[in-house]
Amino acid sequence: MSSRFRDAPTAAGPGRTGLLLVNLGTPDAPTPAAVRRYLGEFLSDRRVVELPPLLWQLLLRLVILPVRGGRSAANYRKIWLREGSPLLVYTARLAGELQHALPELIVRPAMRYGTPSIPAVLREMQAAGMTRLLVLPLYPQYSASTTASVFDAVAAELKTWRRVPALRLVADYHLDTGWLDALEARVRAHWDLHGRAAHLLLSFHGIPQRFERAGDPYPRQCEAGARALAQRLGLADADWTLTYQSRFGREPWLEPATDRVLDTLAQSGIDTVDVICPGFAVDCLETLEEIAMQNDEAFRTAGGHALRYIGALNESAGHVAALAGIARRHLQGWPA
C-alpha cells in the first residue's frame, strides 16, 4: 500500500537545525511570459488578494496578466543584473553570509513565489538531516499578506512529511535593536557621503486599508519602527515622513502615498529628498525601479532637484549581524 506521506531519507548522526530565509519572489527572467507566471502565482494567493476566487481569477487571467506581463517585464529589464534578479541575487548573498556567521545551522534561502520554492528548499534541508526548523521571513513588519503566507506555504509542505521537524517562526523584527542599528548606520553612511537632504522619506510597501481594519498590525509596526529610526537619527517630526508605496487596484490603500507626498514636497520647495525603504530586506523592483527611477523622475517633474535613494541593507555586515542575532535568540532553549 502506498503512503501519502513523504518519508525522510535515512541520515546518520544527530538531527540538525535549519534556518530558512524566505523572501517574496521574482520571475525567472525579465520576459513577459516569465513575469506572467510569477504574477499568476503571487496574485492567486488568497492571503494577498482577498476577493472571491472565481471572479478574481477571471479578471486576473483575462485582463491583469496580459496587461501587466509586458509592462512589468520592461521594468525588470531596467534593473536586471548579470547574475539574475536583484531580489534573488541579494537574498542568496545574504543567506551565504549568514551561513558563514552561523556555521552550526543549515541556512538556505527560498522564495514564497517562484524559485527556489519553499517545498524544494525544505526537502533539500530534510535530506541534509534537518530535524529542527526556524523560519525567518525577510519581512521586518508582520502582515497576513506576507509573513502569514510564508507560514501557509511551509505548513502545506510539512503536512506531507512523515517526520515533521520541530518548528519556530519569526513573526516580525521591526523594533529589533540590531536591525535598527543597521538601518541607522546605512542612513548615516549615506549622509557622510552625500550630505543630508532637506527631508527624509521612509517608504513602506502598502496594503489595502481593509486589511488594517481586519486586525493586521502592519501599519502600527511600520509606524513604530519608523519613529524609532527617526529618533535614533535625531530628526524632528518636520524632518521626515512615513509613506506607503506600490498601490494596486482601485480600493483604498494605506496612506499617505509615497508618490503623492513627493509631489507635495516638491511643490512646497523641498528640493532634495532622501528615501529609504525599511520594509525591504534587499533591493528589488519596488526599490530600484519604482523608487529610484519612477519616483525620482516624478519628483523632478514636480519641481524637485534630486531624490536620493538609500539602498537596502542587502548582505551588509550590519544586516547579517542583526539577522544572526535574531536567529540565535529564537533558537534559545531548544533541546539538543
Protein backbone atom coordinates (compact mmCIF):
# COMPACT_ATOMS: atom_id res chain seq x y z
CA MET A 1 0.00 0.00 0.00
CA SER A 2 1.47 3.36 -1.00
CA SER A 3 1.80 6.14 1.59
CA ARG A 4 0.57 9.68 1.12
CA PHE A 5 3.40 10.96 3.33
CA ARG A 6 6.88 11.88 2.23
CA ASP A 7 9.43 9.71 4.03
CA ALA A 8 12.66 11.32 5.19
CA PRO A 9 15.93 9.97 3.79
CA THR A 10 17.90 7.91 6.28
CA ALA A 11 20.56 10.09 7.91
CA ALA A 12 23.19 9.05 10.43
CA GLY A 13 24.06 11.16 13.43
CA PRO A 14 22.06 13.70 15.42
CA GLY A 15 19.48 15.94 13.80
CA ARG A 16 20.45 19.40 12.62
CA THR A 17 18.78 22.80 12.87
CA GLY A 18 17.78 24.63 9.72
CA LEU A 19 17.32 28.36 9.17
CA LEU A 20 15.01 29.08 6.24
CA LEU A 21 15.21 32.65 4.93
CA VAL A 22 12.13 33.45 2.87
CA ASN A 23 11.68 36.42 0.57
CA LEU A 24 8.74 37.32 -1.65
CA GLY A 25 9.92 36.05 -5.02
CA THR A 26 10.76 37.11 -8.53
CA PRO A 27 10.29 36.00 -12.12
CA ASP A 28 12.99 33.73 -13.55
CA ALA A 29 13.67 36.14 -16.41
CA PRO A 30 12.69 39.70 -17.41
CA THR A 31 10.32 38.43 -20.09
CA PRO A 32 6.53 38.79 -20.38
CA ALA A 33 5.98 35.03 -20.14
CA ALA A 34 8.14 34.64 -17.02
CA VAL A 35 6.55 37.66 -15.37
CA ARG A 36 3.05 36.37 -16.10
CA ARG A 37 3.92 33.02 -14.50
CA TYR A 38 5.30 34.74 -11.42
CA LEU A 39 2.43 37.23 -11.06
CA GLY A 40 -0.08 34.46 -11.68
CA GLU A 41 1.24 32.57 -8.64
CA PHE A 42 1.68 35.68 -6.49
CA LEU A 43 -1.72 37.20 -7.20
CA SER A 44 -3.51 33.87 -6.80
CA ASP A 45 -2.54 33.71 -3.12
CA ARG A 46 -5.70 34.27 -1.07
CA ARG A 47 -3.57 35.99 1.59
CA VAL A 48 -2.56 38.62 -0.98
CA VAL A 49 -5.86 39.16 -2.77
CA GLU A 50 -8.88 38.55 -0.55
CA LEU A 51 -11.56 38.62 -3.23
CA PRO A 52 -14.00 35.92 -4.42
CA PRO A 53 -11.70 33.44 -6.24
CA LEU A 54 -13.79 32.81 -9.34
CA LEU A 55 -14.36 36.48 -10.13
CA TRP A 56 -10.77 37.38 -9.30
CA GLN A 57 -9.26 34.61 -11.43
CA LEU A 58 -11.30 35.70 -14.44
CA LEU A 59 -10.07 39.27 -14.01
CA LEU A 60 -6.51 38.13 -13.33
CA ARG A 61 -6.19 35.79 -16.31
CA LEU A 62 -8.12 37.83 -18.87
CA VAL A 63 -7.10 41.38 -18.00
CA ILE A 64 -4.36 41.87 -15.42
CA LEU A 65 -1.74 39.35 -16.52
CA PRO A 66 -1.93 40.17 -20.24
CA VAL A 67 -1.56 43.89 -19.47
CA ARG A 68 0.96 43.77 -16.63
CA GLY A 69 3.13 40.99 -18.04
CA GLY A 70 4.78 43.11 -20.71
CA ARG A 71 4.82 46.30 -18.66
CA SER A 72 6.42 44.66 -15.63
CA ALA A 73 8.92 42.77 -17.80
CA ALA A 74 10.14 46.08 -19.22
CA ASN A 75 10.62 47.41 -15.69
CA TYR A 76 12.52 44.28 -14.63
CA ARG A 77 14.86 44.68 -17.59
CA LYS A 78 15.90 48.09 -16.26
CA ILE A 79 17.29 46.58 -13.06
CA TRP A 80 18.23 43.01 -14.04
CA LEU A 81 21.74 42.00 -13.01
CA ARG A 82 24.12 39.77 -14.92
CA GLU A 83 23.56 37.11 -12.23
CA GLY A 84 19.79 37.48 -12.37
CA SER A 85 17.02 39.25 -10.49
CA PRO A 86 18.35 41.61 -7.80
CA LEU A 87 15.97 40.25 -5.17
CA LEU A 88 17.16 36.68 -5.76
CA VAL A 89 20.83 37.63 -6.07
CA TYR A 90 20.94 39.72 -2.90
CA THR A 91 18.84 37.22 -0.91
CA ALA A 92 21.22 34.40 -1.89
CA ARG A 93 24.22 36.51 -0.91
CA LEU A 94 22.60 37.33 2.42
CA ALA A 95 21.96 33.64 3.07
CA GLY A 96 25.57 32.85 2.20
CA GLU A 97 26.87 35.42 4.68
CA LEU A 98 24.51 34.11 7.35
CA GLN A 99 25.77 30.57 6.73
CA HIS A 100 29.30 31.82 7.48
CA ALA A 101 28.04 33.58 10.62
CA LEU A 102 26.04 30.53 11.78
CA PRO A 103 28.07 27.51 10.65
CA GLU A 104 26.23 25.20 13.05
CA LEU A 105 22.98 25.70 11.10
CA ILE A 106 21.75 24.70 7.67
CA VAL A 107 20.98 28.13 6.18
CA ARG A 108 19.02 28.25 2.94
CA PRO A 109 17.13 30.96 1.01
CA ALA A 110 13.71 30.35 -0.52
CA MET A 111 11.08 32.34 -2.37
CA ARG A 112 7.41 32.38 -1.46
CA TYR A 113 6.59 32.62 -5.16
CA GLY A 114 8.84 31.40 -7.95
CA THR A 115 12.16 29.65 -7.44
CA PRO A 116 13.82 28.35 -5.35
CA SER A 117 10.47 27.33 -3.92
CA ILE A 118 9.78 26.67 -0.26
CA PRO A 119 8.89 22.98 -0.83
CA ALA A 120 12.05 22.32 -2.85
CA VAL A 121 14.33 24.00 -0.32
CA LEU A 122 12.68 22.30 2.65
CA ARG A 123 13.22 18.90 1.02
CA GLU A 124 16.87 19.76 0.45
CA MET A 125 17.20 20.67 4.14
CA GLN A 126 15.42 17.45 5.11
CA ALA A 127 17.92 15.46 3.07
CA ALA A 128 20.72 17.24 4.94
CA GLY A 129 19.39 15.88 8.24
CA MET A 130 17.26 18.77 9.47
CA THR A 131 15.02 17.91 12.44
CA ARG A 132 14.51 21.46 13.80
CA LEU A 133 13.44 24.39 11.63
CA LEU A 134 13.47 28.13 12.26
CA VAL A 135 11.62 30.08 9.56
CA LEU A 136 12.74 33.69 9.15
CA PRO A 137 10.58 35.60 6.66
CA LEU A 138 12.56 38.63 5.46
CA TYR A 139 9.71 40.97 6.39
CA PRO A 140 10.57 43.14 9.42
CA GLN A 141 6.89 44.04 9.84
CA TYR A 142 4.21 41.35 10.11
CA SER A 143 1.35 41.22 7.64
CA ALA A 144 -1.04 38.41 6.85
CA SER A 145 -0.21 39.00 3.18
CA THR A 146 3.49 38.26 3.72
CA THR A 147 4.53 36.53 6.95
CA ALA A 148 1.33 34.50 7.32
CA SER A 149 1.56 33.47 3.68
CA VAL A 150 5.05 32.10 4.32
CA PHE A 151 3.66 30.08 7.23
CA ASP A 152 0.93 28.73 4.95
CA ALA A 153 3.48 27.54 2.39
CA VAL A 154 5.75 25.94 4.99
CA ALA A 155 2.80 24.19 6.66
CA ALA A 156 1.45 22.97 3.32
CA GLU A 157 4.76 21.25 2.59
CA LEU A 158 5.34 19.88 6.08
CA LYS A 159 1.90 18.30 6.27
CA THR A 160 3.08 15.87 3.57
CA TRP A 161 6.10 14.72 5.65
CA ARG A 162 6.09 11.64 7.83
CA ARG A 163 8.53 13.21 10.30
CA VAL A 164 7.72 16.87 10.83
CA PRO A 165 10.60 18.95 12.23
CA ALA A 166 10.27 20.97 15.41
CA LEU A 167 9.14 24.35 14.12
CA ARG A 168 9.54 28.01 15.06
CA LEU A 169 8.64 31.16 13.12
CA VAL A 170 9.95 34.71 13.47
CA ALA A 171 6.77 36.77 13.17
CA ASP A 172 8.44 40.21 12.95
CA TYR A 173 11.52 42.17 13.98
CA HIS A 174 10.50 45.78 13.39
CA LEU A 175 11.95 47.00 16.71
CA ASP A 176 14.96 44.71 16.86
CA THR A 177 17.97 46.66 18.13
CA GLY A 178 20.42 45.11 15.69
CA TRP A 179 18.15 45.79 12.73
CA LEU A 180 17.66 49.41 13.78
CA ASP A 181 21.43 49.71 14.27
CA ALA A 182 21.97 48.55 10.68
CA LEU A 183 19.37 50.96 9.29
CA GLU A 184 20.81 53.87 11.24
CA ALA A 185 24.31 53.05 10.03
CA ARG A 186 23.04 52.87 6.43
CA VAL A 187 21.45 56.32 6.62
CA ARG A 188 24.43 57.91 8.36
CA ALA A 189 26.85 56.42 5.84
CA HIS A 190 24.72 57.93 3.05
CA TRP A 191 24.74 61.32 4.78
CA ASP A 192 28.51 61.16 5.31
CA LEU A 193 29.00 60.55 1.60
CA HIS A 194 26.34 62.79 0.07
CA GLY A 195 25.28 65.21 2.79
CA ARG A 196 21.84 65.32 4.34
CA ALA A 197 18.86 66.09 2.11
CA ALA A 198 16.17 68.57 3.09
CA HIS A 199 13.78 65.74 4.00
CA LEU A 200 13.87 62.01 4.73
CA LEU A 201 11.12 59.74 3.44
CA LEU A 202 10.60 56.29 4.96
CA SER A 203 8.64 54.42 2.31
CA PHE A 204 6.98 51.08 3.11
CA HIS A 205 5.05 48.73 0.85
CA GLY A 206 1.34 49.41 1.15
CA ILE A 207 -1.58 47.10 1.88
CA PRO A 208 -5.33 47.69 1.47
CA GLN A 209 -6.88 49.66 4.31
CA ARG A 210 -9.40 46.88 4.92
CA PHE A 211 -6.52 44.59 5.98
CA GLU A 212 -5.79 47.01 8.82
CA ARG A 213 -9.47 47.20 9.76
CA ALA A 214 -9.50 43.39 9.92
CA GLY A 215 -6.72 43.46 12.52
CA ASP A 216 -3.47 43.37 10.55
CA PRO A 217 -0.76 45.02 12.72
CA TYR A 218 1.39 46.01 9.75
CA PRO A 219 0.82 49.79 9.74
CA ARG A 220 1.36 50.07 13.51
CA GLN A 221 4.62 48.18 13.20
CA CYS A 222 5.74 50.37 10.28
CA GLU A 223 5.00 53.47 12.36
CA ALA A 224 6.78 52.16 15.45
CA GLY A 225 9.91 51.19 13.54
CA ALA A 226 9.97 54.42 11.54
CA ARG A 227 9.67 56.54 14.66
CA ALA A 228 12.39 54.55 16.42
CA LEU A 229 14.73 55.12 13.45
CA ALA A 230 13.90 58.83 13.24
CA GLN A 231 14.64 59.24 16.96
CA ARG A 232 17.99 57.49 16.57
CA LEU A 233 18.83 59.88 13.72
CA GLY A 234 17.86 62.90 15.82
CA LEU A 235 15.17 64.02 13.41
CA ALA A 236 12.37 66.41 14.32
CA ASP A 237 8.87 65.47 13.18
CA ALA A 238 9.06 68.03 10.37
CA ASP A 239 12.24 66.44 9.00
CA TRP A 240 10.80 63.08 7.97
CA THR A 241 7.63 61.40 6.68
CA LEU A 242 6.38 57.83 6.66
CA THR A 243 4.70 56.85 3.38
CA TYR A 244 3.35 53.78 1.59
CA GLN A 245 4.16 52.76 -1.98
CA SER A 246 3.14 50.19 -4.60
CA ARG A 247 -0.64 50.67 -4.67
CA PHE A 248 -2.55 48.16 -6.77
CA GLY A 249 -6.16 48.28 -7.87
CA ARG A 250 -8.86 50.83 -7.08
CA GLU A 251 -9.68 50.17 -3.43
CA PRO A 252 -8.23 52.45 -0.71
CA TRP A 253 -4.70 51.55 0.42
CA LEU A 254 -2.69 52.81 3.37
CA GLU A 255 -1.86 56.50 3.26
CA PRO A 256 -0.06 58.79 2.78
CA ALA A 257 1.08 57.55 -0.63
CA THR A 258 4.78 57.92 -1.45
CA ASP A 259 4.29 59.44 -4.91
CA ARG A 260 1.75 61.99 -3.67
CA VAL A 261 3.92 63.06 -0.74
CA LEU A 262 6.89 63.54 -3.06
CA ASP A 263 4.75 65.73 -5.30
CA THR A 264 3.65 67.82 -2.30
CA LEU A 265 7.23 68.17 -1.03
CA ALA A 266 8.48 69.33 -4.43
CA GLN A 267 5.70 71.90 -4.76
CA SER A 268 6.41 73.19 -1.25
CA GLY A 269 10.00 74.00 -2.14
CA ILE A 270 11.79 70.91 -0.80
CA ASP A 271 14.46 70.38 -3.44
CA THR A 272 16.23 67.24 -2.21
CA VAL A 273 14.76 64.15 -0.57
CA ASP A 274 16.48 61.05 0.80
CA VAL A 275 14.33 57.90 0.58
CA ILE A 276 14.89 54.66 2.47
CA CYS A 277 12.59 51.62 2.33
CA PRO A 278 12.88 49.86 5.71
CA GLY A 279 10.38 47.14 4.87
CA PHE A 280 12.55 45.67 2.10
CA ALA A 281 15.38 43.47 3.34
CA VAL A 282 17.10 43.53 -0.04
CA ASP A 283 16.82 45.67 -3.14
CA CYS A 284 14.22 44.67 -5.70
CA LEU A 285 11.87 46.05 -8.34
CA GLU A 286 9.98 48.18 -5.82
CA THR A 287 13.12 49.94 -4.59
CA LEU A 288 15.39 50.08 -7.63
CA GLU A 289 12.79 50.81 -10.30
CA GLU A 290 9.72 52.22 -8.55
CA ILE A 291 11.53 54.45 -6.05
CA ALA A 292 14.95 55.18 -7.55
CA MET A 293 13.68 55.59 -11.12
CA GLN A 294 9.94 56.26 -11.36
CA ASN A 295 9.60 58.38 -8.24
CA ASP A 296 12.83 60.23 -8.89
CA GLU A 297 11.54 61.26 -12.30
CA ALA A 298 8.15 62.26 -10.87
CA PHE A 299 9.82 64.29 -8.10
CA ARG A 300 11.92 66.19 -10.62
CA THR A 301 8.91 66.77 -12.86
CA ALA A 302 7.05 68.27 -9.88
CA GLY A 303 9.89 70.74 -9.30
CA GLY A 304 12.29 68.85 -7.05
CA HIS A 305 16.02 68.72 -7.71
CA ALA A 306 17.09 65.25 -6.58
CA LEU A 307 15.63 62.13 -4.99
CA ARG A 308 18.48 60.13 -3.45
CA TYR A 309 17.58 56.52 -2.80
CA ILE A 310 19.36 54.91 0.18
CA GLY A 311 19.93 51.26 -0.71
CA ALA A 312 18.51 48.32 1.22
CA LEU A 313 20.61 46.52 3.80
CA ASN A 314 21.22 43.59 1.42
CA GLU A 315 24.18 41.45 2.57
CA SER A 316 25.85 44.22 4.61
CA ALA A 317 27.71 43.22 7.76
CA GLY A 318 25.20 45.02 9.97
CA HIS A 319 22.28 43.21 8.37
CA VAL A 320 23.97 39.84 8.72
CA ALA A 321 24.76 40.55 12.38
CA ALA A 322 21.17 41.62 13.05
CA LEU A 323 19.60 38.54 11.47
CA ALA A 324 22.14 36.24 13.11
CA GLY A 325 21.24 37.76 16.48
CA ILE A 326 17.53 37.30 15.80
CA ALA A 327 18.10 33.67 14.84
CA ARG A 328 20.19 32.93 17.94
CA ARG A 329 17.54 34.41 20.24
CA HIS A 330 14.74 32.41 18.64
CA LEU A 331 16.81 29.23 18.87
CA GLN A 332 17.41 29.59 22.61
CA GLY A 333 16.03 26.83 24.80
CA TRP A 334 15.63 24.33 22.00
CA PRO A 335 16.63 20.90 23.33
CA ALA A 336 19.75 19.50 21.69
